[in-house]
Amino acid sequence: MVAAAAVIDLANLPSFEDKAVLGFFETSGRNLLAVEAAPYTSV
C-alpha cells in the first residue's frame, strides 16, 4: 500500500460472537498483509 492515497476502514462486523469476530479480523489481516506483500504495479 505504498502508493495508497487513502485507506478506508470497512470493518463492519457481521456479528459480535467471539468466534465470528476472531475469524473476521484474521481474514481481514491476512488479506491486507497479502496485498502489502504483493509487488507494486501501477494502474
PDB file of N, CA and C in Angstrom:
ATOM      1  N   MET A   1       0.822  -1.182   0.000  1.00  0.00           N
ATOM      2  CA  MET A   1       0.000   0.000   0.000  1.00  0.00           C
ATOM      3  C   MET A   1       0.871   1.252   0.000  1.00  0.00           C
ATOM      4  N   VAL A   2       2.033   1.145  -0.596  1.00  0.00           N
ATOM      5  CA  VAL A   2       2.975   2.250  -0.651  1.00  0.00           C
ATOM      6  C   VAL A   2       2.381   3.464  -1.344  1.00  0.00           C
ATOM      7  N   ALA A   3       1.702   3.250  -2.453  1.00  0.00           N
ATOM      8  CA  ALA A   3       1.176   4.370  -3.231  1.00  0.00           C
ATOM      9  C   ALA A   3      -0.278   4.701  -2.896  1.00  0.00           C
ATOM     10  N   ALA A   4      -0.786   4.131  -1.833  1.00  0.00           N
ATOM     11  CA  ALA A   4      -2.186   4.385  -1.473  1.00  0.00           C
ATOM     12  C   ALA A   4      -2.375   5.843  -1.083  1.00  0.00           C
ATOM     13  N   ALA A   5      -3.379   6.467  -1.650  1.00  0.00           N
ATOM     14  CA  ALA A   5      -3.702   7.848  -1.306  1.00  0.00           C
ATOM     15  C   ALA A   5      -4.609   7.899  -0.082  1.00  0.00           C
ATOM     16  N   ALA A   6      -5.327   6.804   0.162  1.00  0.00           N
ATOM     17  CA  ALA A   6      -6.242   6.755   1.297  1.00  0.00           C
ATOM     18  C   ALA A   6      -6.461   5.308   1.702  1.00  0.00           C
ATOM     19  N   VAL A   7      -6.768   5.112   2.954  1.00  0.00           N
ATOM     20  CA  VAL A   7      -7.149   3.801   3.465  1.00  0.00           C
ATOM     21  C   VAL A   7      -8.540   3.958   4.048  1.00  0.00           C
ATOM     22  N   ILE A   8      -9.455   3.117   3.627  1.00  0.00           N
ATOM     23  CA  ILE A   8     -10.840   3.202   4.084  1.00  0.00           C
ATOM     24  C   ILE A   8     -11.111   2.037   5.028  1.00  0.00           C
ATOM     25  N   ASP A   9     -11.577   2.334   6.212  1.00  0.00           N
ATOM     26  CA  ASP A   9     -11.897   1.314   7.204  1.00  0.00           C
ATOM     27  C   ASP A   9     -13.283   0.753   6.908  1.00  0.00           C
ATOM     28  N   LEU A  10     -13.312  -0.500   6.491  1.00  0.00           N
ATOM     29  CA  LEU A  10     -14.582  -1.165   6.193  1.00  0.00           C
ATOM     30  C   LEU A  10     -14.890  -2.238   7.227  1.00  0.00           C
ATOM     31  N   ALA A  11     -14.350  -2.100   8.404  1.00  0.00           N
ATOM     32  CA  ALA A  11     -14.510  -3.088   9.457  1.00  0.00           C
ATOM     33  C   ALA A  11     -15.905  -3.007  10.072  1.00  0.00           C
ATOM     34  N   ASN A  12     -16.866  -3.495   9.355  1.00  0.00           N
ATOM     35  CA  ASN A  12     -18.241  -3.548   9.830  1.00  0.00           C
ATOM     36  C   ASN A  12     -18.510  -4.997  10.223  1.00  0.00           C
ATOM     37  N   LEU A  13     -18.415  -5.287  11.495  1.00  0.00           N
ATOM     38  CA  LEU A  13     -18.527  -6.662  11.965  1.00  0.00           C
ATOM     39  C   LEU A  13     -19.904  -7.249  11.685  1.00  0.00           C
ATOM     40  N   PRO A  14     -19.927  -8.456  11.108  1.00  0.00           N
ATOM     41  CA  PRO A  14     -21.202  -9.102  10.838  1.00  0.00           C
ATOM     42  C   PRO A  14     -21.848  -9.682  12.101  1.00  0.00           C
ATOM     43  N   SER A  15     -21.065  -9.824  13.168  1.00  0.00           N
ATOM     44  CA  SER A  15     -21.560 -10.438  14.393  1.00  0.00           C
ATOM     45  C   SER A  15     -20.669 -10.000  15.551  1.00  0.00           C
ATOM     46  N   PHE A  16     -21.157 -10.138  16.764  1.00  0.00           N
ATOM     47  CA  PHE A  16     -20.333  -9.851  17.929  1.00  0.00           C
ATOM     48  C   PHE A  16     -19.983 -11.133  18.680  1.00  0.00           C
ATOM     49  N   GLU A  17     -20.271 -12.271  18.082  1.00  0.00           N
ATOM     50  CA  GLU A  17     -19.908 -13.559  18.660  1.00  0.00           C
ATOM     51  C   GLU A  17     -18.387 -13.700  18.583  1.00  0.00           C
ATOM     52  N   ASP A  18     -17.763 -14.179  19.660  1.00  0.00           N
ATOM     53  CA  ASP A  18     -16.301 -14.256  19.734  1.00  0.00           C
ATOM     54  C   ASP A  18     -15.671 -14.935  18.522  1.00  0.00           C
ATOM     55  N   LYS A  19     -16.176 -16.099  18.152  1.00  0.00           N
ATOM     56  CA  LYS A  19     -15.592 -16.861  17.046  1.00  0.00           C
ATOM     57  C   LYS A  19     -15.724 -16.104  15.722  1.00  0.00           C
ATOM     58  N   ALA A  20     -16.854 -15.480  15.492  1.00  0.00           N
ATOM     59  CA  ALA A  20     -17.080 -14.733  14.253  1.00  0.00           C
ATOM     60  C   ALA A  20     -16.182 -13.503  14.184  1.00  0.00           C
ATOM     61  N   VAL A  21     -16.017 -12.805  15.304  1.00  0.00           N
ATOM     62  CA  VAL A  21     -15.164 -11.615  15.344  1.00  0.00           C
ATOM     63  C   VAL A  21     -13.712 -12.001  15.078  1.00  0.00           C
ATOM     64  N   LEU A  22     -13.253 -13.055  15.718  1.00  0.00           N
ATOM     65  CA  LEU A  22     -11.884 -13.515  15.517  1.00  0.00           C
ATOM     66  C   LEU A  22     -11.653 -13.897  14.061  1.00  0.00           C
ATOM     67  N   GLY A  23     -12.577 -14.644  13.478  1.00  0.00           N
ATOM     68  CA  GLY A  23     -12.458 -15.036  12.075  1.00  0.00           C
ATOM     69  C   GLY A  23     -12.439 -13.839  11.143  1.00  0.00           C
ATOM     70  N   PHE A  24     -13.270 -12.859  11.423  1.00  0.00           N
ATOM     71  CA  PHE A  24     -13.334 -11.649  10.603  1.00  0.00           C
ATOM     72  C   PHE A  24     -11.990 -10.930  10.586  1.00  0.00           C
ATOM     73  N   PHE A  25     -11.407 -10.706  11.767  1.00  0.00           N
ATOM     74  CA  PHE A  25     -10.149  -9.967  11.831  1.00  0.00           C
ATOM     75  C   PHE A  25      -8.966 -10.791  11.342  1.00  0.00           C
ATOM     76  N   GLU A  26      -8.988 -12.098  11.535  1.00  0.00           N
ATOM     77  CA  GLU A  26      -7.919 -12.937  10.981  1.00  0.00           C
ATOM     78  C   GLU A  26      -7.926 -12.864   9.460  1.00  0.00           C
ATOM     79  N   THR A  27      -9.101 -12.986   8.861  1.00  0.00           N
ATOM     80  CA  THR A  27      -9.220 -12.923   7.403  1.00  0.00           C
ATOM     81  C   THR A  27      -8.856 -11.541   6.879  1.00  0.00           C
ATOM     82  N   SER A  28      -9.343 -10.499   7.522  1.00  0.00           N
ATOM     83  CA  SER A  28      -9.031  -9.129   7.099  1.00  0.00           C
ATOM     84  C   SER A  28      -7.535  -8.869   7.173  1.00  0.00           C
ATOM     85  N   GLY A  29      -6.923  -9.259   8.265  1.00  0.00           N
ATOM     86  CA  GLY A  29      -5.485  -9.058   8.435  1.00  0.00           C
ATOM     87  C   GLY A  29      -4.682  -9.827   7.411  1.00  0.00           C
ATOM     88  N   ARG A  30      -5.074 -11.067   7.161  1.00  0.00           N
ATOM     89  CA  ARG A  30      -4.389 -11.900   6.168  1.00  0.00           C
ATOM     90  C   ARG A  30      -4.488 -11.263   4.785  1.00  0.00           C
ATOM     91  N   ASN A  31      -5.655 -10.765   4.431  1.00  0.00           N
ATOM     92  CA  ASN A  31      -5.843 -10.130   3.121  1.00  0.00           C
ATOM     93  C   ASN A  31      -5.008  -8.859   2.989  1.00  0.00           C
ATOM     94  N   LEU A  32      -4.971  -8.040   4.025  1.00  0.00           N
ATOM     95  CA  LEU A  32      -4.169  -6.813   3.986  1.00  0.00           C
ATOM     96  C   LEU A  32      -2.684  -7.123   3.862  1.00  0.00           C
ATOM     97  N   LEU A  33      -2.204  -8.124   4.599  1.00  0.00           N
ATOM     98  CA  LEU A  33      -0.793  -8.494   4.517  1.00  0.00           C
ATOM     99  C   LEU A  33      -0.439  -9.038   3.137  1.00  0.00           C
ATOM    100  N   ALA A  34      -1.346  -9.784   2.526  1.00  0.00           N
ATOM    101  CA  ALA A  34      -1.097 -10.322   1.187  1.00  0.00           C
ATOM    102  C   ALA A  34      -0.993  -9.201   0.163  1.00  0.00           C
ATOM    103  N   VAL A  35      -1.854  -8.217   0.262  1.00  0.00           N
ATOM    104  CA  VAL A  35      -1.810  -7.082  -0.670  1.00  0.00           C
ATOM    105  C   VAL A  35      -0.527  -6.287  -0.465  1.00  0.00           C
ATOM    106  N   GLU A  36      -0.152  -6.086   0.783  1.00  0.00           N
ATOM    107  CA  GLU A  36       1.055  -5.317   1.067  1.00  0.00           C
ATOM    108  C   GLU A  36       2.302  -6.041   0.564  1.00  0.00           C
ATOM    109  N   ALA A  37       2.316  -7.366   0.632  1.00  0.00           N
ATOM    110  CA  ALA A  37       3.474  -8.149   0.211  1.00  0.00           C
ATOM    111  C   ALA A  37       3.565  -8.301  -1.304  1.00  0.00           C
ATOM    112  N   ALA A  38       2.467  -8.081  -2.007  1.00  0.00           N
ATOM    113  CA  ALA A  38       2.447  -8.242  -3.465  1.00  0.00           C
ATOM    114  C   ALA A  38       3.302  -7.159  -4.120  1.00  0.00           C
ATOM    115  N   PRO A  39       3.917  -7.500  -5.252  1.00  0.00           N
ATOM    116  CA  PRO A  39       4.719  -6.492  -5.959  1.00  0.00           C
ATOM    117  C   PRO A  39       3.858  -5.312  -6.400  1.00  0.00           C
ATOM    118  N   TYR A  40       4.418  -4.121  -6.334  1.00  0.00           N
ATOM    119  CA  TYR A  40       3.695  -2.912  -6.732  1.00  0.00           C
ATOM    120  C   TYR A  40       3.599  -2.840  -8.246  1.00  0.00           C
ATOM    121  N   THR A  41       2.412  -2.613  -8.748  1.00  0.00           N
ATOM    122  CA  THR A  41       2.214  -2.361 -10.176  1.00  0.00           C
ATOM    123  C   THR A  41       1.356  -1.122 -10.305  1.00  0.00           C
ATOM    124  N   SER A  42       1.760  -0.220 -11.158  1.00  0.00           N
ATOM    125  CA  SER A  42       0.970   0.996 -11.340  1.00  0.00           C
ATOM    126  C   SER A  42      -0.215   0.701 -12.235  1.00  0.00           C
ATOM    127  N   VAL A  43      -1.272   1.424 -12.036  1.00  0.00           N
ATOM    128  CA  VAL A  43      -2.500   1.205 -12.807  1.00  0.00           C
ATOM    129  C   VAL A  43      -2.513   2.108 -14.002  1.00  0.00           C
TER     130      VAL A  43
END
